[in-house]
C-alpha atoms as a PDB file:
ATOM      1  CA  MET A   1      -9.693 -57.592  31.797  1.00  0.00           C
ATOM      2  CA  ALA A   2      -7.401 -55.425  29.826  1.00  0.00           C
ATOM      3  CA  ALA A   3      -4.526 -57.146  31.461  1.00  0.00           C
ATOM      4  CA  PHE A   4      -5.981 -60.517  30.577  1.00  0.00           C
ATOM      5  CA  SER A   5      -6.417 -59.541  26.957  1.00  0.00           C
ATOM      6  CA  LEU A   6      -2.867 -58.318  26.731  1.00  0.00           C
ATOM      7  CA  GLY A   7      -1.563 -61.584  28.170  1.00  0.00           C
ATOM      8  CA  SER A   8      -3.587 -63.614  25.652  1.00  0.00           C
ATOM      9  CA  LEU A   9      -2.231 -61.596  22.737  1.00  0.00           C
ATOM     10  CA  GLN A  10       1.308 -62.094  23.939  1.00  0.00           C
ATOM     11  CA  ALA A  11       0.748 -65.862  24.278  1.00  0.00           C
ATOM     12  CA  HIS A  12      -0.755 -66.034  20.778  1.00  0.00           C
ATOM     13  CA  ALA A  13       2.121 -64.065  19.375  1.00  0.00           C
ATOM     14  CA  ALA A  14       4.527 -66.430  21.099  1.00  0.00           C
ATOM     15  CA  LEU A  15       2.740 -69.430  19.646  1.00  0.00           C
ATOM     16  CA  PHE A  16       2.810 -67.885  16.192  1.00  0.00           C
ATOM     17  CA  GLY A  17       6.522 -67.214  16.476  1.00  0.00           C
ATOM     18  CA  ASP A  18       7.257 -70.802  17.418  1.00  0.00           C
ATOM     19  CA  ASP A  19       5.331 -72.142  14.394  1.00  0.00           C
ATOM     20  CA  GLU A  20       7.221 -69.882  12.038  1.00  0.00           C
ATOM     21  CA  ALA A  21      10.501 -70.929  13.561  1.00  0.00           C
ATOM     22  CA  ARG A  22       9.552 -74.585  13.264  1.00  0.00           C
ATOM     23  CA  ARG A  23       8.609 -74.109   9.646  1.00  0.00           C
ATOM     24  CA  ALA A  24      11.846 -72.260   9.022  1.00  0.00           C
ATOM     25  CA  ILE A  25      13.810 -75.042  10.684  1.00  0.00           C
ATOM     26  CA  LEU A  26      11.928 -77.670   8.711  1.00  0.00           C
ATOM     27  CA  ASP A  27      12.547 -75.721   5.538  1.00  0.00           C
ATOM     28  CA  VAL A  28      16.252 -75.470   6.292  1.00  0.00           C
ATOM     29  CA  ARG A  29      16.399 -79.147   7.162  1.00  0.00           C
ATOM     30  CA  THR A  30      14.601 -79.969   3.931  1.00  0.00           C
ATOM     31  CA  LYS A  31      17.087 -77.904   1.980  1.00  0.00           C
ATOM     32  CA  VAL A  32      19.990 -79.506   3.841  1.00  0.00           C
ATOM     33  CA  ASP A  33      18.585 -82.967   3.160  1.00  0.00           C
ATOM     34  CA  ALA A  34      18.100 -82.046  -0.484  1.00  0.00           C
ATOM     35  CA  MET A  35      21.632 -80.758  -0.684  1.00  0.00           C
ATOM     36  CA  GLN A  36      22.968 -83.881   0.986  1.00  0.00           C
ATOM     37  CA  GLN A  37      20.918 -86.040  -1.393  1.00  0.00           C
ATOM     38  CA  SER A  38      22.186 -84.034  -4.304  1.00  0.00           C
ATOM     39  CA  LYS A  39      25.694 -84.331  -2.999  1.00  0.00           C
ATOM     40  CA  ALA A  40      25.288 -88.061  -2.624  1.00  0.00           C
ATOM     41  CA  GLU A  41      23.892 -88.337  -6.127  1.00  0.00           C
ATOM     42  CA  THR A  42      26.673 -86.133  -7.452  1.00  0.00           C
ATOM     43  CA  SER A  43      29.225 -88.261  -5.617  1.00  0.00           C
ATOM     44  CA  ALA A  44      27.664 -91.398  -7.078  1.00  0.00           C
ATOM     45  CA  VAL A  45      27.811 -89.871 -10.542  1.00  0.00           C
ATOM     46  CA  LEU A  46      31.425 -88.907  -9.985  1.00  0.00           C
ATOM     47  CA  ASP A  47      32.222 -92.396  -8.722  1.00  0.00           C
ATOM     48  CA  LEU A  48      30.498 -93.853 -11.765  1.00  0.00           C
ATOM     49  CA  SER A  49      32.433 -91.482 -14.009  1.00  0.00           C
ATOM     50  CA  ASN A  50      35.678 -92.477 -12.319  1.00  0.00           C
ATOM     51  CA  GLN A  51      34.796 -96.128 -12.713  1.00  0.00           C
ATOM     52  CA  ASN A  52      34.022 -95.559 -16.362  1.00  0.00           C
ATOM     53  CA  GLU A  53      37.374 -93.856 -16.822  1.00  0.00           C
ATOM     54  CA  GLN A  54      39.143 -96.716 -15.064  1.00  0.00           C
ATOM     55  CA  LEU A  55      37.284 -99.208 -17.224  1.00  0.00           C
ATOM     56  CA  ARG A  56      38.214 -97.253 -20.318  1.00  0.00           C
ATOM     57  CA  GLN A  57      41.860 -97.281 -19.295  1.00  0.00           C
ATOM     58  CA  GLU A  58      41.704-100.998 -18.495  1.00  0.00           C
ATOM     59  CA  ILE A  59      40.092-101.743 -21.866  1.00  0.00           C
ATOM     60  CA  ALA A  60      42.783 -99.676 -23.589  1.00  0.00           C
ATOM     61  CA  ARG A  61      45.469-101.603 -21.693  1.00  0.00           C
ATOM     62  CA  LEU A  62      43.901-104.946 -22.598  1.00  0.00           C
ATOM     63  CA  ASN A  63      43.586-103.903 -26.240  1.00  0.00           C
ATOM     64  CA  GLY A  64      47.261-103.040 -26.174  1.00  0.00           C
ATOM     65  CA  GLN A  65      48.088-106.474 -24.782  1.00  0.00           C
ATOM     66  CA  ILE A  66      45.882-108.111 -27.407  1.00  0.00           C
ATOM     67  CA  GLU A  67      47.750-106.240 -30.143  1.00  0.00           C
ATOM     68  CA  VAL A  68      51.110-107.281 -28.705  1.00  0.00           C
ATOM     69  CA  LEU A  69      49.995-110.915 -28.386  1.00  0.00           C
ATOM     70  CA  THR A  70      48.556-110.852 -31.901  1.00  0.00           C
ATOM     71  CA  ASN A  71      51.900-109.622 -33.256  1.00  0.00           C
ATOM     72  CA  GLU A  72      53.777-112.237 -31.245  1.00  0.00           C
ATOM     73  CA  LEU A  73      51.443-114.951 -32.517  1.00  0.00           C
ATOM     74  CA  ALA A  74      51.962-113.786 -36.094  1.00  0.00           C
ATOM     75  CA  ASN A  75      55.745-113.867 -35.542  1.00  0.00           C
ATOM     76  CA  VAL A  76      55.569-117.350 -34.022  1.00  0.00           C
ATOM     77  CA  GLN A  77      53.458-118.604 -36.918  1.00  0.00           C
ATOM     78  CA  GLN A  78      55.913-117.108 -39.414  1.00  0.00           C
ATOM     79  CA  ARG A  79      58.864-118.674 -37.606  1.00  0.00           C
ATOM     80  CA  GLN A  80      57.074-122.036 -37.614  1.00  0.00           C
ATOM     81  CA  LYS A  81      56.353-121.660 -41.315  1.00  0.00           C
ATOM     82  CA  ASP A  82      59.999-120.789 -42.001  1.00  0.00           C
ATOM     83  CA  PHE A  83      61.133-123.712 -39.840  1.00  0.00           C
ATOM     84  CA  TYR A  84      58.956-126.251 -41.651  1.00  0.00           C
ATOM     85  CA  THR A  85      59.947-124.817 -45.028  1.00  0.00           C
ATOM     86  CA  ASP A  86      63.630-125.115 -44.087  1.00  0.00           C
ATOM     87  CA  LEU A  87      63.054-128.619 -42.690  1.00  0.00           C
ATOM     88  CA  ASP A  88      61.262-129.666 -45.868  1.00  0.00           C
ATOM     89  CA  ASN A  89      64.132-128.310 -47.969  1.00  0.00           C
ATOM     90  CA  ARG A  90      66.659-130.166 -45.821  1.00  0.00           C
ATOM     91  CA  LEU A  91      64.696-133.402 -46.095  1.00  0.00           C
ATOM     92  CA  ARG A  92      64.432-132.987 -49.832  1.00  0.00           C
ATOM     93  CA  LYS A  93      68.200-132.589 -49.996  1.00  0.00           C
ATOM     94  CA  LEU A  94      68.582-135.854 -48.094  1.00  0.00           C
ATOM     95  CA  GLU A  95      66.238-137.700 -50.415  1.00  0.00           C
ATOM     96  CA  PRO A  96      67.774-139.631 -53.326  1.00  0.00           C
ATOM     97  CA  GLN A  97      67.830-137.646 -56.562  1.00  0.00           C
ATOM     98  CA  ASN A  98      67.179-138.990 -60.026  1.00  0.00           C
ATOM     99  CA  VAL A  99      70.381-138.535 -62.063  1.00  0.00           C
ATOM    100  CA  SER A 100      71.793-139.873 -65.302  1.00  0.00           C
ATOM    101  CA  VAL A 101      74.816-142.141 -64.831  1.00  0.00           C
ATOM    102  CA  ASP A 102      76.489-143.641 -67.894  1.00  0.00           C
ATOM    103  CA  GLY A 103      73.357-142.925 -69.901  1.00  0.00           C
ATOM    104  CA  GLN A 104      71.021-144.574 -67.403  1.00  0.00           C
ATOM    105  CA  ASP A 105      68.614-142.910 -64.958  1.00  0.00           C
ATOM    106  CA  ALA A 106      69.317-143.826 -61.348  1.00  0.00           C
ATOM    107  CA  LEU A 107      68.454-142.740 -57.821  1.00  0.00           C
ATOM    108  CA  VAL A 108      71.495-141.400 -56.007  1.00  0.00           C
ATOM    109  CA  GLY A 109      71.607-140.293 -52.375  1.00  0.00           C
ATOM    110  CA  GLN A 110      73.068-136.926 -51.484  1.00  0.00           C
ATOM    111  CA  SER A 111      75.929-138.318 -49.391  1.00  0.00           C
ATOM    112  CA  GLU A 112      76.612-140.832 -52.157  1.00  0.00           C
ATOM    113  CA  GLN A 113      76.749-138.093 -54.779  1.00  0.00           C
ATOM    114  CA  ARG A 114      78.944-135.905 -52.605  1.00  0.00           C
ATOM    115  CA  SER A 115      81.414-138.733 -51.941  1.00  0.00           C
ATOM    116  CA  TYR A 116      81.748-139.493 -55.627  1.00  0.00           C
ATOM    117  CA  ASP A 117      82.129-135.834 -56.600  1.00  0.00           C
ATOM    118  CA  ASP A 118      84.764-135.277 -53.907  1.00  0.00           C
ATOM    119  CA  ALA A 119      86.793-138.262 -55.099  1.00  0.00           C
ATOM    120  CA  LEU A 120      86.558-137.101 -58.719  1.00  0.00           C
ATOM    121  CA  ALA A 121      87.665-133.611 -57.696  1.00  0.00           C
ATOM    122  CA  LEU A 122      90.766-135.136 -56.079  1.00  0.00           C
ATOM    123  CA  PHE A 123      91.582-136.987 -59.301  1.00  0.00           C
ATOM    124  CA  LYS A 124      91.158-133.851 -61.400  1.00  0.00           C
ATOM    125  CA  SER A 125      93.420-131.927 -59.036  1.00  0.00           C
ATOM    126  CA  GLY A 126      96.186-134.466 -59.659  1.00  0.00           C
ATOM    127  CA  ASP A 127      96.159-136.007 -56.191  1.00  0.00           C
ATOM    128  CA  TYR A 128      95.940-139.545 -57.554  1.00  0.00           C
ATOM    129  CA  LYS A 129      96.837-141.317 -54.339  1.00  0.00           C
ATOM    130  CA  LYS A 130      94.041-139.708 -52.335  1.00  0.00           C
ATOM    131  CA  ALA A 131      91.688-139.984 -55.284  1.00  0.00           C
ATOM    132  CA  GLY A 132      92.323-143.731 -55.590  1.00  0.00           C
ATOM    133  CA  ALA A 133      91.731-144.200 -51.867  1.00  0.00           C
ATOM    134  CA  ALA A 134      88.542-142.124 -52.031  1.00  0.00           C
ATOM    135  CA  PHE A 135      87.157-144.069 -54.995  1.00  0.00           C
ATOM    136  CA  ASN A 136      88.063-147.372 -53.385  1.00  0.00           C
ATOM    137  CA  ASP A 137      86.282-146.272 -50.205  1.00  0.00           C
ATOM    138  CA  PHE A 138      83.261-145.314 -52.312  1.00  0.00           C
ATOM    139  CA  VAL A 139      83.085-148.793 -53.857  1.00  0.00           C
ATOM    140  CA  GLN A 140      83.211-150.350 -50.396  1.00  0.00           C
ATOM    141  CA  ARG A 141      80.517-148.050 -48.982  1.00  0.00           C
ATOM    142  CA  TYR A 142      78.178-148.024 -51.967  1.00  0.00           C
ATOM    143  CA  PRO A 143      78.594-151.365 -53.790  1.00  0.00           C
ATOM    144  CA  GLN A 144      75.107-151.110 -55.299  1.00  0.00           C
ATOM    145  CA  SER A 145      75.476-147.503 -56.420  1.00  0.00           C
ATOM    146  CA  ALA A 146      75.003-146.554 -60.044  1.00  0.00           C
ATOM    147  CA  TYR A 147      78.395-144.842 -59.671  1.00  0.00           C
ATOM    148  CA  ALA A 148      80.136-148.031 -58.484  1.00  0.00           C
ATOM    149  CA  PRO A 149      81.386-149.067 -61.985  1.00  0.00           C
ATOM    150  CA  SER A 150      82.723-145.571 -62.651  1.00  0.00           C
ATOM    151  CA  ALA A 151      84.349-145.448 -59.219  1.00  0.00           C
ATOM    152  CA  GLN A 152      86.067-148.783 -59.917  1.00  0.00           C
ATOM    153  CA  TYR A 153      87.238-147.433 -63.289  1.00  0.00           C
ATOM    154  CA  TRP A 154      88.754-144.362 -61.622  1.00  0.00           C
ATOM    155  CA  VAL A 155      90.492-146.566 -59.066  1.00  0.00           C
ATOM    156  CA  GLY A 156      92.292-148.214 -61.979  1.00  0.00           C
ATOM    157  CA  ASN A 157      93.088-144.873 -63.616  1.00  0.00           C
ATOM    158  CA  ALA A 158      94.460-143.471 -60.357  1.00  0.00           C
ATOM    159  CA  LEU A 159      96.772-146.480 -60.034  1.00  0.00           C
ATOM    160  CA  TYR A 160      97.843-146.103 -63.665  1.00  0.00           C
ATOM    161  CA  ALA A 161      98.635-142.433 -63.052  1.00  0.00           C
ATOM    162  CA  GLN A 162     100.857-143.509 -60.156  1.00  0.00           C
ATOM    163  CA  ARG A 163     102.614-145.997 -62.464  1.00  0.00           C
ATOM    164  CA  ASP A 164     101.286-148.895 -60.429  1.00  0.00           C
ATOM    165  CA  TYR A 165     100.434-150.791 -63.594  1.00  0.00           C
ATOM    166  CA  ARG A 166     100.012-154.244 -62.109  1.00  0.00           C
ATOM    167  CA  ASN A 167      97.361-153.083 -59.618  1.00  0.00           C
ATOM    168  CA  ALA A 168      95.816-150.867 -62.283  1.00  0.00           C
ATOM    169  CA  ILE A 169      95.284-153.974 -64.445  1.00  0.00           C
ATOM    170  CA  SER A 170      93.758-155.823 -61.502  1.00  0.00           C
ATOM    171  CA  ALA A 171      91.356-152.941 -60.753  1.00  0.00           C
ATOM    172  CA  GLN A 172      90.204-152.679 -64.372  1.00  0.00           C
ATOM    173  CA  GLN A 173      89.838-156.434 -64.758  1.00  0.00           C
ATOM    174  CA  SER A 174      87.580-156.345 -61.696  1.00  0.00           C
ATOM    175  CA  LEU A 175      85.393-153.775 -63.443  1.00  0.00           C
ATOM    176  CA  VAL A 176      85.153-155.795 -66.680  1.00  0.00           C
ATOM    177  CA  LYS A 177      84.310-158.970 -64.784  1.00  0.00           C
ATOM    178  CA  LYS A 178      81.722-157.430 -62.476  1.00  0.00           C
ATOM    179  CA  TYR A 179      80.137-154.928 -64.880  1.00  0.00           C
ATOM    180  CA  PRO A 180      80.667-156.353 -68.397  1.00  0.00           C
ATOM    181  CA  ASP A 181      77.733-154.403 -69.839  1.00  0.00           C
ATOM    182  CA  ASN A 182      78.732-151.061 -68.399  1.00  0.00           C
ATOM    183  CA  PRO A 183      79.934-148.412 -70.890  1.00  0.00           C
ATOM    184  CA  LYS A 184      83.147-148.088 -68.848  1.00  0.00           C
ATOM    185  CA  ALA A 185      84.094-151.753 -69.505  1.00  0.00           C
ATOM    186  CA  ALA A 186      85.512-151.051 -72.977  1.00  0.00           C
ATOM    187  CA  ASP A 187      87.579-148.143 -71.665  1.00  0.00           C
ATOM    188  CA  ALA A 188      88.777-150.345 -68.809  1.00  0.00           C
ATOM    189  CA  MET A 189      90.104-152.890 -71.290  1.00  0.00           C
ATOM    190  CA  LEU A 190      91.886-150.139 -73.204  1.00  0.00           C
ATOM    191  CA  ASN A 191      93.481-149.070 -69.919  1.00  0.00           C
ATOM    192  CA  ILE A 192      94.543-152.654 -69.283  1.00  0.00           C
ATOM    193  CA  ALA A 193      96.226-152.790 -72.689  1.00  0.00           C
ATOM    194  CA  SER A 194      98.006-149.495 -71.956  1.00  0.00           C
ATOM    195  CA  SER A 195      99.252-150.891 -68.633  1.00  0.00           C
ATOM    196  CA  TYR A 196     100.635-153.990 -70.370  1.00  0.00           C
ATOM    197  CA  MET A 197     102.414-151.778 -72.859  1.00  0.00           C
ATOM    198  CA  GLU A 198     103.989-149.779 -70.018  1.00  0.00           C
ATOM    199  CA  MET A 199     105.162-153.101 -68.551  1.00  0.00           C
ATOM    200  CA  LYS A 200     106.663-154.007 -71.957  1.00  0.00           C
ATOM    201  CA  ASP A 201     104.315-156.978 -72.288  1.00  0.00           C
ATOM    202  CA  ARG A 202     103.345-156.506 -75.930  1.00  0.00           C
ATOM    203  CA  THR A 203     101.794-159.933 -76.225  1.00  0.00           C
ATOM    204  CA  ALA A 204      99.339-159.348 -73.396  1.00  0.00           C
ATOM    205  CA  ALA A 205      98.630-155.855 -74.684  1.00  0.00           C
ATOM    206  CA  LYS A 206      97.846-157.131 -78.209  1.00  0.00           C
ATOM    207  CA  LYS A 207      95.625-159.900 -76.864  1.00  0.00           C
ATOM    208  CA  THR A 208      93.703-157.386 -74.720  1.00  0.00           C
ATOM    209  CA  LEU A 209      93.178-155.052 -77.682  1.00  0.00           C
ATOM    210  CA  GLU A 210      91.916-157.874 -79.866  1.00  0.00           C
ATOM    211  CA  SER A 211      89.554-158.991 -77.117  1.00  0.00           C
ATOM    212  CA  LEU A 212      88.329-155.442 -76.751  1.00  0.00           C
ATOM    213  CA  VAL A 213      87.502-155.146 -80.456  1.00  0.00           C
ATOM    214  CA  ALA A 214      85.704-158.490 -80.360  1.00  0.00           C
ATOM    215  CA  LYS A 215      83.616-157.773 -77.265  1.00  0.00           C
ATOM    216  CA  TYR A 216      82.825-154.107 -77.802  1.00  0.00           C
ATOM    217  CA  PRO A 217      83.169-153.533 -81.558  1.00  0.00           C
ATOM    218  CA  ASN A 218      81.015-150.414 -81.791  1.00  0.00           C
ATOM    219  CA  THR A 219      82.640-148.377 -79.036  1.00  0.00           C
ATOM    220  CA  PRO A 220      85.132-145.505 -79.343  1.00  0.00           C
ATOM    221  CA  ALA A 221      87.541-147.631 -77.270  1.00  0.00           C
ATOM    222  CA  ALA A 222      87.350-150.390 -79.924  1.00  0.00           C
ATOM    223  CA  GLN A 223      88.209-147.863 -82.643  1.00  0.00           C
ATOM    224  CA  THR A 224      91.248-146.771 -80.647  1.00  0.00           C
ATOM    225  CA  ALA A 225      92.185-150.419 -80.138  1.00  0.00           C
ATOM    226  CA  LYS A 226      92.078-151.038 -83.908  1.00  0.00           C
ATOM    227  CA  GLU A 227      94.401-148.122 -84.484  1.00  0.00           C
ATOM    228  CA  ARG A 228      96.836-149.409 -81.895  1.00  0.00           C
ATOM    229  CA  LEU A 229      96.760-152.916 -83.345  1.00  0.00           C
ATOM    230  CA  THR A 230      98.201-151.596 -86.567  1.00  0.00           C
ATOM    231  CA  ASN A 231     101.427-150.941 -84.665  1.00  0.00           C
ATOM    232  CA  PHE A 232     101.776-154.647 -83.910  1.00  0.00           C
ATOM    233  CA  LYS A 233     102.055-155.670 -87.548  1.00  0.00           C
END
């Protein structure tokens, strides 16, 4: 009996030891699972943090690109504005300008104005041959120009300066015939009279002066003609 009781106690003790061990194992497993769960959660948090950092860097990069593109757009818009301003200025320069020619307002194109000014500059420089050719070319190119009468007048003066009196007379007579009401007509007739005088044709010179006084009595050229006529008496 004593032996039986001892065996039962040993079996009970063995059973008790197994339960404790199982609980210990379960406890350890629980802790391990908790740690693994915590680790997983921590890893997820770290991954999320890394993703956030990557997103922050990507946003910063995109903001940088936006700033660069904004600056480029501003530069392009400024260049376009400058281009259209320059184009508008160029077009305005090509448009006819309102100028006063022989006391009358007229529209004159830029190329037309430049051609006339260049020819006049040649005359003033003393290059009468080139000046005459330039003014003659102007008359051919711009027959309806407000400068056409003046250009024809300077053709005659250029010929006179070259002592080509016969052609000078022809050029000035063309002006008087075509533009009789132009202010240059009286001066053209005075030039014709001067050319006749250089050719020693006093009769033609006197007749031209008298005609000048009769046709344009109130002009400075007529006053000069009157003074010259006194030399014929």
